[in-house]
């Protein structure tokens, strides 16, 4: 009789444990992939151009933005994103901070205090569309959460083309601004291509752009860990 009682109990315990074991194993594999692939560099022969063009990569510890010159010999972003898109932008702002992310997460999480578990899980599911967040900013000052890279005009041309290609354009070929959506008085959101997921994150979007432009970057970086590890530091004279 005891054995008959223990058998269904044993089966119940197994039924409860196996899903958690599977989730733990998947999380462990994901973390291992983040670590290993973040340590493997692409474009390892990349060298900064002493007389090139300055770009920056910033991070708040979770999310990375690309900071591109507002106007350069390669691209004039003012011809693509008119100043009227940014209500109170300072005319002296000479860089664009551009980030990519989940549509719903971006619009409903202006600060980390607004973060909801349901919003995060929905973003990771990959079911939402995506947005680009664009903010005119001045040339940034050195910071531990900033990487300063000097690249060639050809590399900037490739990086600008990557960012421009991320915009979902309307029939006339113009970026589609989300009316009334912003964090500050001078930023804007635009419809973008792609869908956010556990494997295609904001940081991976930034990494892909840098890699496509021939800039040193990790094989894969859904978190900022690998991205910032492979990027040159803020000393332009330093090469990797």
Protein backbone atom coordinates (compact mmCIF):
# COMPACT_ATOMS: atom_id res chain seq x y z
CA UNK A 1 0.00 0.00 0.00
CA UNK A 2 2.85 2.41 0.86
CA UNK A 3 4.46 1.85 -2.54
CA UNK A 4 1.17 2.55 -4.28
CA UNK A 5 0.91 5.88 -2.46
CA UNK A 6 4.51 6.89 -3.10
CA UNK A 7 4.44 6.21 -6.84
CA UNK A 8 1.94 8.95 -7.79
CA UNK A 9 3.67 11.32 -5.37
CA UNK A 10 7.00 10.59 -7.02
CA UNK A 11 5.46 11.21 -10.46
CA UNK A 12 4.00 14.51 -9.27
CA UNK A 13 7.37 15.68 -7.94
CA UNK A 14 9.03 14.81 -11.25
CA UNK A 15 6.33 16.63 -13.17
CA UNK A 16 6.94 19.75 -11.07
CA UNK A 17 10.73 19.62 -11.07
CA UNK A 18 11.45 18.92 -14.74
CA UNK A 19 10.01 22.20 -16.11
CA UNK A 20 12.06 24.19 -13.59
CA UNK A 21 15.14 22.14 -14.38
CA UNK A 22 14.60 22.84 -18.07
CA UNK A 23 14.24 26.57 -17.46
CA UNK A 24 17.35 26.60 -15.30
CA UNK A 25 19.30 24.73 -17.96
CA UNK A 26 18.14 27.12 -20.69
CA UNK A 27 19.07 30.13 -18.56
CA UNK A 28 22.49 28.63 -17.88
CA UNK A 29 23.11 28.01 -21.59
CA UNK A 30 22.02 31.56 -22.41
CA UNK A 31 24.37 33.03 -19.80
CA UNK A 32 27.21 30.85 -21.07
CA UNK A 33 26.58 31.98 -24.65
CA UNK A 34 26.54 35.63 -23.55
CA UNK A 35 29.88 35.15 -21.81
CA UNK A 36 31.68 33.09 -24.46
CA UNK A 37 30.43 34.92 -27.55
CA UNK A 38 30.98 38.26 -25.85
CA UNK A 39 34.67 37.39 -25.44
CA UNK A 40 35.19 36.50 -29.12
CA UNK A 41 35.91 39.59 -31.25
CA UNK A 42 34.92 40.31 -34.82
CA UNK A 43 36.98 42.77 -36.88
CA UNK A 44 39.91 42.16 -34.54
CA UNK A 45 42.22 44.07 -36.88
CA UNK A 46 40.20 47.27 -36.49
CA UNK A 47 42.30 50.34 -35.78
CA UNK A 48 41.01 53.80 -34.99
CA UNK A 49 41.63 56.46 -37.64
CA UNK A 50 43.83 59.21 -36.14
CA UNK A 51 42.27 61.82 -38.46
CA UNK A 52 38.85 60.15 -38.71
CA UNK A 53 35.35 61.02 -37.47
CA UNK A 54 34.28 60.67 -33.84
CA UNK A 55 31.37 58.45 -32.85
CA UNK A 56 30.31 57.31 -29.40
CA UNK A 57 28.51 54.37 -27.80
CA UNK A 58 26.74 55.10 -24.54
CA UNK A 59 25.12 52.80 -21.99
CA UNK A 60 22.91 53.21 -18.95
CA UNK A 61 24.09 49.80 -17.77
CA UNK A 62 21.31 47.95 -19.59
CA UNK A 63 20.71 49.68 -22.92
CA UNK A 64 23.22 50.97 -25.49
CA UNK A 65 22.81 53.92 -27.88
CA UNK A 66 24.87 54.88 -30.91
CA UNK A 67 25.90 58.55 -31.01
CA UNK A 68 26.47 59.73 -34.57
CA UNK A 69 27.50 63.15 -35.89
CA UNK A 70 24.45 65.22 -36.79
CA UNK A 71 26.33 66.51 -39.82
CA UNK A 72 29.43 65.03 -41.44
CA UNK A 73 30.99 64.78 -44.89
CA UNK A 74 29.16 61.46 -45.14
CA UNK A 75 25.64 62.29 -43.96
CA UNK A 76 23.51 65.25 -42.91
CA UNK A 77 20.84 63.81 -40.63
CA UNK A 78 19.03 67.16 -40.62
CA UNK A 79 17.92 66.39 -44.17
CA UNK A 80 16.32 63.13 -42.98
CA UNK A 81 15.07 64.07 -39.50
CA UNK A 82 13.91 67.70 -39.64
CA UNK A 83 14.42 69.95 -36.65
CA UNK A 84 10.62 70.22 -36.34
CA UNK A 85 10.65 66.61 -35.11
CA UNK A 86 12.48 67.78 -31.97
CA UNK A 87 10.47 70.55 -30.35
CA UNK A 88 12.99 72.08 -27.99
CA UNK A 89 16.31 70.80 -29.27
CA UNK A 90 19.33 73.02 -28.78
CA UNK A 91 20.71 74.16 -32.17
CA UNK A 92 24.17 73.54 -30.72
CA UNK A 93 23.50 69.80 -30.34
CA UNK A 94 25.78 68.18 -32.89
CA UNK A 95 25.17 64.46 -32.27
CA UNK A 96 22.22 62.11 -32.53
CA UNK A 97 21.79 59.46 -29.85
CA UNK A 98 19.97 56.57 -31.55
CA UNK A 99 18.66 53.46 -29.82
CA UNK A 100 16.47 50.59 -31.00
CA UNK A 101 14.01 48.64 -28.90
CA UNK A 102 10.63 47.02 -28.37
CA UNK A 103 7.66 49.21 -29.31
CA UNK A 104 5.57 48.60 -26.20
CA UNK A 105 8.53 48.61 -23.80
CA UNK A 106 9.87 51.91 -25.14
CA UNK A 107 6.54 53.73 -24.92
CA UNK A 108 5.46 52.38 -21.54
CA UNK A 109 8.76 52.40 -19.63
CA UNK A 110 10.10 55.96 -19.62
CA UNK A 111 11.97 55.20 -16.35
CA UNK A 112 12.99 51.95 -14.65
CA UNK A 113 10.42 52.74 -11.95
CA UNK A 114 7.76 52.21 -14.64
CA UNK A 115 9.01 48.74 -15.54
CA UNK A 116 6.46 45.94 -15.22
CA UNK A 117 7.23 42.24 -15.41
CA UNK A 118 4.47 41.80 -17.98
CA UNK A 119 6.03 44.49 -20.20
CA UNK A 120 9.46 42.86 -20.03
CA UNK A 121 8.11 39.37 -20.76
CA UNK A 122 6.06 40.67 -23.66
CA UNK A 123 9.15 42.35 -25.12
CA UNK A 124 11.19 39.15 -24.86
CA UNK A 125 8.47 37.22 -26.68
CA UNK A 126 9.24 39.05 -29.91
CA UNK A 127 5.57 39.70 -30.71
CA UNK A 128 5.77 43.51 -30.71
CA UNK A 129 7.14 45.74 -33.39
CA UNK A 130 10.11 48.00 -32.73
CA UNK A 131 10.94 51.67 -32.49
CA UNK A 132 13.98 53.88 -32.82
CA UNK A 133 14.49 56.48 -30.12
CA UNK A 134 16.36 59.54 -31.38
CA UNK A 135 17.65 62.42 -29.28
CA UNK A 136 19.84 65.36 -30.37
CA UNK A 137 22.70 65.75 -27.87
CA UNK A 138 25.91 67.75 -27.55
CA UNK A 139 29.27 66.07 -27.96
CA UNK A 140 29.47 63.90 -24.83
CA UNK A 141 32.06 64.18 -22.10
CA UNK A 142 34.23 61.18 -21.07
CA UNK A 143 32.40 58.71 -18.84
CA UNK A 144 32.84 55.08 -17.71
CA UNK A 145 29.60 54.34 -19.55
CA UNK A 146 30.80 55.82 -22.81
CA UNK A 147 33.11 54.62 -25.57
CA UNK A 148 34.70 57.11 -27.95
CA UNK A 149 35.79 55.72 -31.31
CA UNK A 150 37.37 57.50 -34.27
CA UNK A 151 36.43 55.84 -37.54
CA UNK A 152 37.04 56.42 -41.23
CA UNK A 153 34.49 58.16 -43.49
CA UNK A 154 33.77 54.83 -45.19
CA UNK A 155 33.06 53.16 -41.84
CA UNK A 156 30.75 56.03 -40.87
CA UNK A 157 29.00 55.72 -44.23
CA UNK A 158 28.30 52.04 -43.49
CA UNK A 159 27.15 52.78 -39.94
CA UNK A 160 24.88 55.63 -41.04
CA UNK A 161 23.41 53.37 -43.74
CA UNK A 162 22.73 50.68 -41.15
CA UNK A 163 20.91 53.11 -38.86
CA UNK A 164 18.94 54.63 -41.74
CA UNK A 165 17.98 51.14 -42.89
CA UNK A 166 16.49 50.47 -39.45
CA UNK A 167 13.80 53.14 -39.98
CA UNK A 168 10.48 51.89 -41.36
CA UNK A 169 9.89 54.52 -44.04
CA UNK A 170 6.55 55.67 -45.38
CA UNK A 171 5.54 55.54 -49.05
CA UNK A 172 7.39 58.80 -49.69
CA UNK A 173 10.58 57.43 -48.15
CA UNK A 174 10.40 59.43 -44.90
CA UNK A 175 10.88 58.15 -41.32
CA UNK A 176 7.55 57.71 -39.53
CA UNK A 177 7.51 59.65 -36.26
CA UNK A 178 5.17 58.50 -33.48
CA UNK A 179 3.11 61.59 -32.73
CA UNK A 180 3.18 62.67 -29.09
CA UNK A 181 5.65 59.96 -28.02
CA UNK A 182 8.77 61.20 -26.24
CA UNK A 183 10.65 61.05 -22.95
CA UNK A 184 11.86 64.64 -22.94
CA UNK A 185 10.96 67.86 -24.72
CA UNK A 186 13.44 67.33 -27.55
CA UNK A 187 13.44 63.61 -28.45
CA UNK A 188 11.30 61.50 -30.77
CA UNK A 189 10.30 57.92 -31.57
CA UNK A 190 10.07 56.42 -35.04
CA UNK A 191 8.70 53.15 -36.42
CA UNK A 192 11.50 50.67 -37.05
CA UNK A 193 12.15 47.34 -38.71
CA UNK A 194 12.58 44.13 -36.75
CA UNK A 195 11.25 42.68 -33.53
CA UNK A 196 12.88 42.65 -30.11
CA UNK A 197 13.49 39.25 -28.52
CA UNK A 198 15.73 37.41 -26.11
CA UNK A 199 18.28 37.07 -28.91
CA UNK A 200 17.76 40.33 -30.80
CA UNK A 201 18.05 43.07 -28.20
CA UNK A 202 18.84 46.77 -28.21
CA UNK A 203 22.49 46.00 -27.53
CA UNK A 204 22.60 43.40 -30.29
CA UNK A 205 21.17 46.00 -32.67
CA UNK A 206 24.02 48.37 -31.77
CA UNK A 207 26.59 45.56 -32.03
CA UNK A 208 25.35 44.55 -35.48
CA UNK A 209 25.70 48.10 -36.73
CA UNK A 210 29.27 48.42 -35.45
CA UNK A 211 30.23 45.04 -36.83
CA UNK A 212 28.75 45.79 -40.25
CA UNK A 213 30.89 48.95 -40.37
CA UNK A 214 34.07 46.97 -39.69
CA UNK A 215 34.40 48.15 -36.08
CA UNK A 216 35.64 45.71 -33.47
CA UNK A 217 32.72 44.08 -31.68
CA UNK A 218 31.78 40.71 -30.16
CA UNK A 219 30.18 37.84 -32.05
CA UNK A 220 26.95 38.34 -30.10
CA UNK A 221 26.03 40.75 -27.32
CA UNK A 222 22.42 40.84 -26.10
CA UNK A 223 23.76 42.59 -22.98
CA UNK A 224 26.21 45.47 -22.74
CA UNK A 225 28.90 43.17 -21.28
CA UNK A 226 30.44 41.89 -24.51
CA UNK A 227 29.82 45.07 -26.46
CA UNK A 228 31.77 47.32 -24.09
CA UNK A 229 34.46 44.74 -23.49
CA UNK A 230 35.40 44.62 -27.17
CA UNK A 231 35.13 48.33 -27.92
CA UNK A 232 38.22 50.54 -27.61
CA UNK A 233 38.37 52.66 -24.48
CA UNK A 234 38.07 56.43 -24.42
CA UNK A 235 41.72 57.01 -25.26
CA UNK A 236 41.86 57.52 -29.03
CA UNK A 237 45.56 56.62 -29.04
CA UNK A 238 44.71 53.13 -27.75
CA UNK A 239 44.23 50.39 -30.33
CA UNK A 240 43.16 46.80 -29.79
